Amino acid sequence: MKEQGRDKEPVPNAPIRKTPPLSLSLDERKVWFEFIRKIPDGVLGDCDEYWLAMAVRMEWKERSRTITGPERSQYITLLGKLGMNPSERSKVTANPSAKPVNADPEDEFLSSVQ
């Protein structure tokens, strides 16, 4: 049951997909799998794929030490919007049925790449 005042909130059509979009590089796809494992159950749906892909690209820039100050600020904001920091996560209502079921999609992906 939804919280009072959220009864007209749009609902994703499906869970967030477990496999990364082909538009991501191989390294970014590895980050996608990390995010999928770490995002709290039921927080993201299929309509959030573009946001997650953007966060993945920003995380890769962070790791490769090419992120700029303004990009880092945008990244931090984006992580908050995705419920990936403690204060913002406390504001998120999750739908646990919106989480992919497979145990570890990264294993499946990596075996297909080899």
Protein backbone atom coordinates (compact mmCIF):
# COMPACT_ATOMS: atom_id res chain seq x y z
CA MET A 1 0.00 0.00 0.00
CA LYS A 2 1.30 3.44 -0.93
CA GLU A 3 1.83 6.19 1.57
CA GLN A 4 -0.89 8.80 1.83
CA GLY A 5 -0.47 11.37 -0.92
CA ARG A 6 1.51 9.01 -3.16
CA ASP A 7 -1.44 7.03 -4.52
CA LYS A 8 -1.21 8.73 -7.95
CA GLU A 9 2.55 8.34 -8.24
CA PRO A 10 3.63 6.64 -11.48
CA VAL A 11 4.82 3.05 -11.12
CA PRO A 12 7.58 1.51 -13.29
CA ASN A 13 6.41 -0.98 -15.90
CA ALA A 14 9.10 -3.48 -14.93
CA PRO A 15 12.13 -3.88 -12.68
CA ILE A 16 15.42 -2.23 -13.63
CA ARG A 17 17.11 -4.50 -16.10
CA LYS A 18 19.94 -6.65 -14.83
CA THR A 19 22.07 -6.43 -17.95
CA PRO A 20 23.72 -3.15 -18.92
CA PRO A 21 22.82 -1.28 -22.09
CA LEU A 22 25.11 -1.91 -25.05
CA SER A 23 25.86 1.82 -25.19
CA LEU A 24 28.10 1.40 -22.12
CA SER A 25 31.75 0.44 -22.54
CA LEU A 26 32.96 -2.88 -21.14
CA ASP A 27 34.42 -1.11 -18.08
CA GLU A 28 31.20 0.85 -17.56
CA ARG A 29 29.21 -2.38 -17.80
CA LYS A 30 31.20 -3.77 -14.88
CA VAL A 31 30.22 -0.67 -12.88
CA TRP A 32 26.57 -1.25 -13.90
CA PHE A 33 26.68 -4.68 -12.24
CA GLU A 34 28.18 -3.17 -9.09
CA PHE A 35 25.38 -0.62 -8.92
CA ILE A 36 22.69 -3.27 -9.52
CA ARG A 37 24.07 -5.31 -6.60
CA LYS A 38 24.28 -2.28 -4.27
CA ILE A 39 21.07 -0.41 -5.02
CA PRO A 40 18.48 -1.19 -2.34
CA ASP A 41 15.89 -3.72 -3.36
CA GLY A 42 13.01 -2.28 -5.34
CA VAL A 43 14.25 1.32 -5.56
CA LEU A 44 14.72 1.49 -9.35
CA GLY A 45 12.48 0.40 -12.20
CA ASP A 46 12.82 0.22 -15.97
CA CYS A 47 12.08 3.92 -16.32
CA ASP A 48 15.24 4.69 -14.30
CA GLU A 49 17.64 2.98 -16.71
CA TYR A 50 18.85 6.26 -18.26
CA TRP A 51 19.55 7.75 -14.83
CA LEU A 52 21.46 4.67 -13.79
CA ALA A 53 23.47 4.67 -17.03
CA MET A 54 24.37 8.32 -16.41
CA ALA A 55 25.47 7.50 -12.86
CA VAL A 56 27.55 4.59 -14.18
CA ARG A 57 29.34 6.86 -16.65
CA MET A 58 30.01 9.43 -13.95
CA GLU A 59 31.36 6.73 -11.60
CA TRP A 60 33.69 5.52 -14.35
CA LYS A 61 34.94 9.10 -14.83
CA GLU A 62 35.49 9.29 -11.06
CA ARG A 63 37.49 6.05 -11.06
CA SER A 64 39.55 7.01 -14.08
CA ARG A 65 40.29 10.38 -12.43
CA THR A 66 38.89 12.39 -15.33
CA ILE A 67 35.84 13.82 -13.58
CA THR A 68 35.70 17.59 -13.21
CA GLY A 69 34.53 19.45 -10.12
CA PRO A 70 31.15 20.41 -11.63
CA GLU A 71 30.65 16.84 -12.89
CA ARG A 72 31.39 15.46 -9.41
CA SER A 73 28.79 17.81 -7.95
CA GLN A 74 26.24 16.63 -10.52
CA TYR A 75 27.19 13.02 -9.78
CA ILE A 76 26.63 13.46 -6.05
CA THR A 77 23.22 15.00 -6.78
CA LEU A 78 22.37 12.15 -9.15
CA LEU A 79 23.34 9.53 -6.56
CA GLY A 80 20.99 11.24 -4.12
CA LYS A 81 18.14 11.16 -6.65
CA LEU A 82 18.74 7.42 -7.02
CA GLY A 83 18.56 6.95 -3.24
CA MET A 84 22.24 6.07 -2.99
CA ASN A 85 23.24 8.13 0.02
CA PRO A 86 21.98 7.75 3.61
CA SER A 87 19.96 10.94 3.90
CA GLU A 88 18.23 10.60 0.53
CA ARG A 89 17.66 6.86 0.96
CA SER A 90 15.64 7.61 4.07
CA LYS A 91 13.13 9.45 1.84
CA VAL A 92 12.73 6.59 -0.64
CA THR A 93 9.87 4.10 -0.56
CA ALA A 94 10.99 0.88 -2.21
CA ASN A 95 8.93 -1.72 -4.01
CA PRO A 96 10.92 -4.94 -3.43
CA SER A 97 9.19 -6.74 -6.27
CA ALA A 98 10.92 -4.37 -8.69
CA LYS A 99 14.35 -6.03 -8.22
CA PRO A 100 15.80 -8.49 -10.77
CA VAL A 101 15.60 -12.06 -9.50
CA ASN A 102 18.82 -13.67 -10.85
CA ALA A 103 21.56 -14.23 -8.29
CA ASP A 104 24.51 -12.59 -10.05
CA PRO A 105 23.96 -11.13 -13.53
CA GLU A 106 27.63 -10.12 -13.75
CA ASP A 107 28.68 -13.77 -13.93
CA GLU A 108 26.22 -14.32 -16.75
CA PHE A 109 27.51 -11.25 -18.62
CA LEU A 110 31.19 -11.99 -18.15
CA SER A 111 30.79 -15.56 -19.35
CA SER A 112 29.18 -14.28 -22.58
CA VAL A 113 32.05 -11.81 -23.18
CA GLN A 114 34.87 -14.36 -22.88
